[in-house]
Protein backbone atom coordinates (compact mmCIF):
# COMPACT_ATOMS: atom_id res chain seq x y z
CA UNK A 1 -78.29 -67.40 -38.69
CA UNK A 2 -77.96 -70.76 -36.95
CA UNK A 3 -75.05 -73.13 -37.38
CA UNK A 4 -77.37 -75.48 -39.24
CA UNK A 5 -78.28 -72.68 -41.66
CA UNK A 6 -74.62 -71.84 -42.23
CA UNK A 7 -73.75 -75.46 -42.96
CA UNK A 8 -76.71 -75.85 -45.31
CA UNK A 9 -75.71 -72.65 -47.12
CA UNK A 10 -72.18 -73.99 -47.46
CA UNK A 11 -73.52 -77.15 -49.06
CA UNK A 12 -75.54 -75.05 -51.48
CA UNK A 13 -72.53 -72.84 -52.23
CA UNK A 14 -70.17 -75.79 -52.48
CA UNK A 15 -69.34 -77.59 -55.72
CA UNK A 16 -71.56 -76.15 -58.44
CA UNK A 17 -72.36 -77.19 -61.98
CA UNK A 18 -69.25 -76.22 -63.89
CA UNK A 19 -67.00 -76.88 -66.81
CA UNK A 20 -63.35 -77.41 -66.00
CA UNK A 21 -61.18 -75.97 -68.74
CA UNK A 22 -57.51 -75.20 -69.25
CA UNK A 23 -55.28 -73.08 -71.42
CA UNK A 24 -51.54 -72.70 -71.81
CA UNK A 25 -49.26 -69.69 -71.77
CA UNK A 26 -45.89 -70.90 -72.89
CA UNK A 27 -45.17 -74.00 -70.83
CA UNK A 28 -47.59 -73.06 -68.05
CA UNK A 29 -51.05 -74.65 -67.98
CA UNK A 30 -53.77 -72.61 -66.27
CA UNK A 31 -56.85 -74.53 -65.16
CA UNK A 32 -60.10 -72.67 -64.64
CA UNK A 33 -63.75 -73.33 -63.85
CA UNK A 34 -66.32 -71.93 -66.25
CA UNK A 35 -69.81 -71.51 -64.82
CA UNK A 36 -73.01 -69.90 -66.08
CA UNK A 37 -74.31 -68.74 -69.47
CA UNK A 38 -71.59 -68.04 -72.02
CA UNK A 39 -73.55 -65.16 -73.58
CA UNK A 40 -73.72 -63.24 -70.29
CA UNK A 41 -71.31 -60.67 -68.87
CA UNK A 42 -68.19 -62.27 -67.42
CA UNK A 43 -66.92 -62.13 -63.85
CA UNK A 44 -63.45 -63.45 -63.03
CA UNK A 45 -62.76 -64.40 -59.41
CA UNK A 46 -59.06 -64.25 -58.45
CA UNK A 47 -57.77 -66.02 -55.35
CA UNK A 48 -55.44 -65.00 -52.57
CA UNK A 49 -52.03 -66.44 -51.81
CA UNK A 50 -52.00 -70.23 -51.96
CA UNK A 51 -55.76 -70.77 -52.17
CA UNK A 52 -57.51 -72.70 -54.92
CA UNK A 53 -60.87 -72.24 -56.65
CA UNK A 54 -62.85 -73.39 -53.61
CA UNK A 55 -62.27 -69.93 -52.11
CA UNK A 56 -65.21 -68.43 -53.99
CA UNK A 57 -67.74 -71.19 -53.32
CA UNK A 58 -69.61 -68.63 -51.21
CA UNK A 59 -70.03 -66.34 -54.22
CA UNK A 60 -70.66 -68.69 -57.12
CA UNK A 61 -74.26 -69.64 -56.43
CA UNK A 62 -75.37 -66.02 -56.16
CA UNK A 63 -73.88 -65.01 -59.53
CA UNK A 64 -73.85 -68.07 -61.79
CA UNK A 65 -77.34 -67.61 -63.22
CA UNK A 66 -76.87 -64.00 -64.37
CA UNK A 67 -73.14 -64.00 -65.22
CA UNK A 68 -70.57 -66.25 -66.79
CA UNK A 69 -68.03 -66.97 -64.07
CA UNK A 70 -64.39 -67.77 -64.72
CA UNK A 71 -62.46 -69.00 -61.69
CA UNK A 72 -58.82 -69.77 -62.54
CA UNK A 73 -56.24 -71.36 -60.30
CA UNK A 74 -53.19 -69.13 -60.00
CA UNK A 75 -49.93 -70.67 -61.20
CA UNK A 76 -48.63 -73.11 -58.63
CA UNK A 77 -52.12 -73.90 -57.33
CA UNK A 78 -54.74 -76.60 -57.86
CA UNK A 79 -55.33 -77.49 -61.51
CA UNK A 80 -52.62 -75.12 -62.80
CA UNK A 81 -48.96 -75.90 -63.43
CA UNK A 82 -46.29 -75.34 -60.81
CA UNK A 83 -43.43 -73.83 -62.84
CA UNK A 84 -40.17 -73.01 -61.13
CA UNK A 85 -40.40 -69.71 -59.27
CA UNK A 86 -40.33 -67.20 -57.78
CA UNK A 87 -43.37 -65.75 -59.50
CA UNK A 88 -44.43 -62.18 -60.26
CA UNK A 89 -47.82 -60.50 -60.25
CA UNK A 90 -47.15 -59.45 -63.86
CA UNK A 91 -46.80 -63.12 -64.83
CA UNK A 92 -50.10 -63.93 -63.16
CA UNK A 93 -51.81 -61.02 -64.91
CA UNK A 94 -50.52 -62.43 -68.19
CA UNK A 95 -51.92 -65.83 -67.17
CA UNK A 96 -55.29 -64.14 -66.64
CA UNK A 97 -55.14 -62.61 -70.11
CA UNK A 98 -54.55 -66.10 -71.51
CA UNK A 99 -57.62 -67.40 -69.66
CA UNK A 100 -59.85 -64.58 -70.93
CA UNK A 101 -58.62 -65.07 -74.48
CA UNK A 102 -59.21 -68.82 -74.24
CA UNK A 103 -62.74 -68.26 -72.92
CA UNK A 104 -63.50 -65.73 -75.66
CA UNK A 105 -64.33 -63.03 -73.12
CA UNK A 106 -63.90 -59.59 -74.68
CA UNK A 107 -64.75 -57.85 -71.40
CA UNK A 108 -64.77 -58.92 -67.76
CA UNK A 109 -65.46 -57.72 -64.24
CA UNK A 110 -62.45 -58.64 -62.08
CA UNK A 111 -62.99 -59.60 -58.44
CA UNK A 112 -59.85 -60.27 -56.43
CA UNK A 113 -58.94 -60.78 -52.80
CA UNK A 114 -55.46 -60.02 -51.47
CA UNK A 115 -53.04 -61.37 -54.13
CA UNK A 116 -56.03 -61.68 -56.46
CA UNK A 117 -56.65 -57.95 -56.06
CA UNK A 118 -53.05 -57.26 -56.97
CA UNK A 119 -53.44 -59.36 -60.10
CA UNK A 120 -56.56 -57.36 -60.97
CA UNK A 121 -54.72 -54.04 -60.55
CA UNK A 122 -51.78 -55.21 -62.66
CA UNK A 123 -54.13 -56.55 -65.32
CA UNK A 124 -56.02 -53.25 -65.51
CA UNK A 125 -52.75 -51.46 -66.20
CA UNK A 126 -51.45 -53.87 -68.84
CA UNK A 127 -54.51 -55.18 -70.71
CA UNK A 128 -57.83 -53.87 -71.97
CA UNK A 129 -60.55 -56.43 -71.21
CA UNK A 130 -61.39 -55.32 -67.65
CA UNK A 131 -64.50 -53.15 -67.23
CA UNK A 132 -64.57 -52.99 -63.42
CA UNK A 133 -62.51 -53.98 -60.41
CA UNK A 134 -63.61 -55.25 -57.02
CA UNK A 135 -60.64 -55.26 -54.66
CA UNK A 136 -60.99 -57.08 -51.35
CA UNK A 137 -58.44 -56.97 -48.52
CA UNK A 138 -55.57 -55.97 -50.79
CA UNK A 139 -52.97 -53.25 -51.31
CA UNK A 140 -51.07 -51.59 -54.19
CA UNK A 141 -47.58 -52.13 -52.81
CA UNK A 142 -45.13 -49.27 -52.46
CA UNK A 143 -43.84 -47.28 -49.50
CA UNK A 144 -47.26 -46.20 -48.23
CA UNK A 145 -48.82 -49.67 -48.16
CA UNK A 146 -49.09 -51.33 -44.76
CA UNK A 147 -47.57 -54.81 -44.81
CA UNK A 148 -48.58 -57.86 -42.81
CA UNK A 149 -47.33 -57.53 -39.22
CA UNK A 150 -44.33 -59.77 -38.59
CA UNK A 151 -46.10 -61.65 -35.80
CA UNK A 152 -48.92 -62.57 -38.18
CA UNK A 153 -46.50 -63.41 -41.00
CA UNK A 154 -44.75 -65.89 -38.70
CA UNK A 155 -48.08 -67.60 -37.95
CA UNK A 156 -48.92 -67.83 -41.65
CA UNK A 157 -45.55 -69.16 -42.82
CA UNK A 158 -44.30 -71.20 -39.87
CA UNK A 159 -43.58 -74.62 -41.48
CA UNK A 160 -44.35 -76.46 -38.21
CA UNK A 161 -42.67 -79.77 -39.16
CA UNK A 162 -43.81 -81.19 -35.82
CA UNK A 163 -47.48 -81.35 -36.88
CA UNK A 164 -49.34 -82.86 -39.84
CA UNK A 165 -50.66 -80.89 -42.80
CA UNK A 166 -54.23 -80.63 -41.54
CA UNK A 167 -53.13 -79.29 -38.16
CA UNK A 168 -50.77 -76.83 -39.87
CA UNK A 169 -53.61 -75.51 -42.05
CA UNK A 170 -55.84 -75.08 -39.00
CA UNK A 171 -53.14 -73.03 -37.28
CA UNK A 172 -52.73 -70.86 -40.36
CA UNK A 173 -56.47 -70.22 -40.49
CA UNK A 174 -56.45 -68.60 -37.06
CA UNK A 175 -55.55 -65.07 -38.28
CA UNK A 176 -57.86 -65.46 -41.29
CA UNK A 177 -61.19 -66.16 -39.58
CA UNK A 178 -62.61 -64.77 -36.37
CA UNK A 179 -62.49 -66.89 -33.21
CA UNK A 180 -66.27 -66.74 -32.95
CA UNK A 181 -66.74 -68.01 -36.50
CA UNK A 182 -64.29 -70.88 -36.06
CA UNK A 183 -65.97 -71.89 -32.81
CA UNK A 184 -69.53 -71.55 -34.05
CA UNK A 185 -69.09 -73.04 -37.49
CA UNK A 186 -66.59 -75.81 -36.87
CA UNK A 187 -68.17 -77.98 -39.57
CA UNK A 188 -67.54 -75.28 -42.17
CA UNK A 189 -63.95 -74.89 -41.00
CA UNK A 190 -63.54 -78.67 -41.35
CA UNK A 191 -64.72 -78.40 -44.96
CA UNK A 192 -62.34 -75.52 -45.68
CA UNK A 193 -59.44 -77.55 -44.27
CA UNK A 194 -60.41 -80.50 -46.48
CA UNK A 195 -60.53 -78.30 -49.58
CA UNK A 196 -57.17 -76.78 -48.72
CA UNK A 197 -55.52 -80.16 -48.26
CA UNK A 198 -56.90 -81.31 -51.61
CA UNK A 199 -56.07 -78.39 -53.86
CA UNK A 200 -54.07 -75.52 -52.39
CA UNK A 201 -50.52 -74.60 -53.42
CA UNK A 202 -47.56 -76.61 -52.21
CA UNK A 203 -45.24 -75.03 -49.66
CA UNK A 204 -42.69 -74.04 -52.28
CA UNK A 205 -45.30 -72.62 -54.69
CA UNK A 206 -46.80 -70.69 -51.79
CA UNK A 207 -43.39 -69.17 -51.11
CA UNK A 208 -43.02 -68.28 -54.80
CA UNK A 209 -46.41 -66.55 -54.74
CA UNK A 210 -45.41 -64.73 -51.55
CA UNK A 211 -42.35 -63.41 -53.39
CA UNK A 212 -44.69 -61.97 -56.03
CA UNK A 213 -46.62 -60.10 -53.35
CA UNK A 214 -43.40 -58.86 -51.77
CA UNK A 215 -42.17 -57.37 -55.05
CA UNK A 216 -45.52 -55.94 -56.17
CA UNK A 217 -45.74 -52.15 -56.49
CA UNK A 218 -48.15 -50.20 -58.69
CA UNK A 219 -48.56 -47.39 -56.19
CA UNK A 220 -47.28 -44.75 -58.62
CA UNK A 221 -49.66 -45.88 -61.39
CA UNK A 222 -53.00 -45.99 -59.58
CA UNK A 223 -54.16 -42.73 -61.12
CA UNK A 224 -53.98 -44.44 -64.53
CA UNK A 225 -56.74 -46.89 -63.55
CA UNK A 226 -60.01 -45.13 -64.33
CA UNK A 227 -62.21 -48.23 -64.16
CA UNK A 228 -65.17 -48.27 -61.75
CA UNK A 229 -63.72 -49.84 -58.63
CA UNK A 230 -65.26 -51.15 -55.44
CA UNK A 231 -62.79 -51.42 -52.58
CA UNK A 232 -63.97 -53.74 -49.80
CA UNK A 233 -61.95 -53.45 -46.62
CA UNK A 234 -62.48 -55.55 -43.47
CA UNK A 235 -61.47 -53.44 -40.49
CA UNK A 236 -60.50 -56.47 -38.38
CA UNK A 237 -58.06 -57.80 -40.98
CA UNK A 238 -54.85 -59.04 -39.33
CA UNK A 239 -53.22 -60.01 -42.65
CA UNK A 240 -53.72 -56.91 -44.82
CA UNK A 241 -54.16 -53.89 -42.52
CA UNK A 242 -57.35 -51.95 -43.33
CA UNK A 243 -55.43 -48.72 -43.95
CA UNK A 244 -54.63 -50.22 -47.34
CA UNK A 245 -58.28 -50.03 -48.35
CA UNK A 246 -58.31 -46.33 -47.55
CA UNK A 247 -55.11 -45.86 -49.55
CA UNK A 248 -56.61 -47.53 -52.63
CA UNK A 249 -59.85 -45.58 -52.39
CA UNK A 250 -57.95 -42.29 -52.11
CA UNK A 251 -55.63 -42.87 -55.07
CA UNK A 252 -57.82 -44.70 -57.56
CA UNK A 253 -59.76 -42.00 -59.44
CA UNK A 254 -63.06 -43.89 -59.72
CA UNK A 255 -63.21 -45.91 -56.51
CA UNK A 256 -65.64 -46.23 -53.64
CA UNK A 257 -64.71 -47.67 -50.26
CA UNK A 258 -66.92 -50.11 -48.38
CA UNK A 259 -65.78 -51.22 -44.92
CA UNK A 260 -66.84 -54.29 -42.98
CA UNK A 261 -66.56 -53.51 -39.31
CA UNK A 262 -64.39 -55.89 -37.28
CA UNK A 263 -64.46 -58.45 -40.09
CA UNK A 264 -61.38 -60.67 -40.67
CA UNK A 265 -59.28 -61.30 -43.76
CA UNK A 266 -61.66 -63.95 -45.14
CA UNK A 267 -64.64 -61.66 -44.65
CA UNK A 268 -66.11 -62.71 -48.00
CA UNK A 269 -66.69 -66.09 -46.33
CA UNK A 270 -67.88 -64.87 -42.93
CA UNK A 271 -69.95 -62.01 -44.37
CA UNK A 272 -70.80 -63.66 -47.68
CA UNK A 273 -74.43 -62.52 -47.80
CA UNK A 274 -73.54 -58.84 -47.35
CA UNK A 275 -70.51 -59.07 -49.64
CA UNK A 276 -72.57 -60.63 -52.41
CA UNK A 277 -75.36 -58.09 -52.06
CA UNK A 278 -72.94 -55.16 -52.36
CA UNK A 279 -71.07 -56.78 -55.23
CA UNK A 280 -74.32 -57.40 -57.11
CA UNK A 281 -75.39 -53.77 -56.70
CA UNK A 282 -71.99 -52.50 -57.82
CA UNK A 283 -71.91 -54.69 -60.92
CA UNK A 284 -75.46 -53.73 -61.85
CA UNK A 285 -74.42 -50.07 -61.90
CA UNK A 286 -71.40 -50.63 -64.14
CA UNK A 287 -72.16 -49.87 -67.76
CA UNK A 288 -70.59 -52.33 -70.20
């Protein structure tokens, strides 16, 4: 695919026809996009640490005609409130339950990357609307999970007060996307940076979300999650080591593992066509 094709696809997968809605859980407002037919099956897309709803622009166009899509901002991000933290994954799972109740969705397929996958796991344990899980570049916590290497963590959280926000975001994208992608598709990276400046979590909210990841551990409860689960694991992930995908697939009783060779953390952007094809096939096989 040429750079021109990639950029044109990005434009097509960019802002889509949507309804921006919001609900409240206590004092916390949760904003979410609602896309597609309301009488269709529901997919909820759950973002990673700090990222806003733009993160799934590469998936929306391929699913919005057949499914109703709900894309909430996690607390502290975008259109949602920024309550005092630190946060917990359990709180964010409860926020998700509030969104589903507000949307009138009795059942939903949950698709989550990194922190979003953790929210999906926690939700499946605590609530009863989920009918399938798709877990991308995530882990269950606990002693057997492989954490982000310290050298990568420093690159992701270095405040870099000597540079402006845009430059800081570009530096933090380096472990997330492959060098070849960033070089070849500079125009797309520019758009990602613009979206991040506009709507991602503040530095303090990002730290509060990171605390939620640090404290997350459902490793001893995975056998209780019998939902059909697709685990997507990029083997070139510097942020969430790919061994975590194998761990999830081994311990979840109804999971299949799909690996993306040498793909980076944001593989659902770089490999969007393949990711969407596999996700569509998986969802079609899930009986609701």
